[in-house]
Amino acid sequence: MHLKTEPKRACKILEEISSPSSALKQRMAASMESVGWKVKSLNAPGQHVFRRILQTRFAKALGCASKHCGCGVESAELAAVQRLATSKVAQCLDPPESATSLAGKVSQDCQVVMDRLKHNKEDPGAREHFSHELLQLQAAHIAQYKYHSVSASLVAYEQPEAEDAVTTMEAKCGNVGVATEFWETVSPDVEVLMHDSTKDQFCVLVVLKPKPGKHADFGHLVNKVCPVFQVRVAPGVAISPGNYVSQAFPVGVDAWRPFVRRSEHPCTMECRIDDCIHVPFASNLRVTIDPQSCNRGASLTFYSDAHRSRPIKSLSRDLGHTSGRRSVKTDDFWVLTAGGPELWFSFRLGVDPCSRADWGYSFEVEASFPEVFTDGI
């Protein structure tokens, strides 16, 4: 403000801001209140900072002066404080000409103390008494500084209007809580995926995604709530529907059920599979293949891309035997891990038409998930 305003005008404006009953403050408060904002306080932060710096330096200078009282040496600390109190910074932030200027008062006090220091060289009693007065003045400035700091904190943090607003909001909103806020971030397009699982279980995945621009809120709130869906599977025959009703809970380490992909057993000669495994939001996929798979020359190949141009691993029973592998799931030969939520695979029969029918394939897919679900759950 002082760069675009004359010093006298800046002084008047700062006085208006500092004065409790200023017309400027009243006009501004009325204007703000007319648009719904009640002004708690109005101040000039730069002025407050400068005054606190000036006051602490003056207190330190008084302490130094009390130690050298009567030595006949001019106090360099007091002279430095006086220069600061009459500097261009003081003219801008706390003009000494103002009746409420702290800089003007400190400058005058510095001059009074320096003058008295010059006249207390000979009388030991007077020197001791004056030293005590300087320490008292120092303590008063320190106490005033602390008081102003506490006062500023009260103005900043005690907001009765905010407390009243919270009470009113709670009364009007009723039971609005975290769950309601969470569903405000969820996209209405809910995806449903179905797959076979272990122990002849049939699983349903309900996929929730955030609305555009709500990813951060979704990721934060999803850990605060536990969304549960009731899932009803309609059978093809007239069976009691109660047998086909379950609940879908958020997927975690314990709640996750593996994907199972399998062919017919034994496999027909027309069997030719190109398929994809998709586990939404998974960070890693771990595939465990049944060692009975590909027992008559068939092959099972996994790829990292949809075009099936980048193979990850190709497996068959014959490869297992020629490499000395055991026909057990714990053998690493029948296990692979891929990063990301998707994995493509192909199954091909052997080329010998006279061989016995191949058993086919079967494998389980276990997924690992991130700790933070910003893209969905």
Foldseek 3Di string as FASTA:
>chain_A
DPVPDPLVVLQVVQVQQPDPPHPVVVVVQVVCVVVPDHDLHGHDVLLVVLLLVLLLLLLVQLLVCLVCQQVQDQRPSLVVSLCSLCDVSCSNRFNLVDPPGPSVVSNVVSVVLRVVSNVRNPDPVVSNVVSVVSNVVSVVSVVVSVVVVVVVVCSVPDDVVVVVVVVVCCVVVPPDDLVNVLVVFWDPDWDKDWAAFPPRDIDIDIWIFTDVPCLVVNLVSVVVDKDKDWDWDDDPDDDPSVVRIDMDTDDDPVPDTWGKDWAAFQHDQPDKDKDKAFDPQFFKKKKFKQLLAQAWPKKKWKADDNVRPHTDDIDHNVVCVVVVHDRDRVTCRRMDMDGDGMMIMIIDHHPDPPIDGRRHIMMIMDTHHDPTRSGID
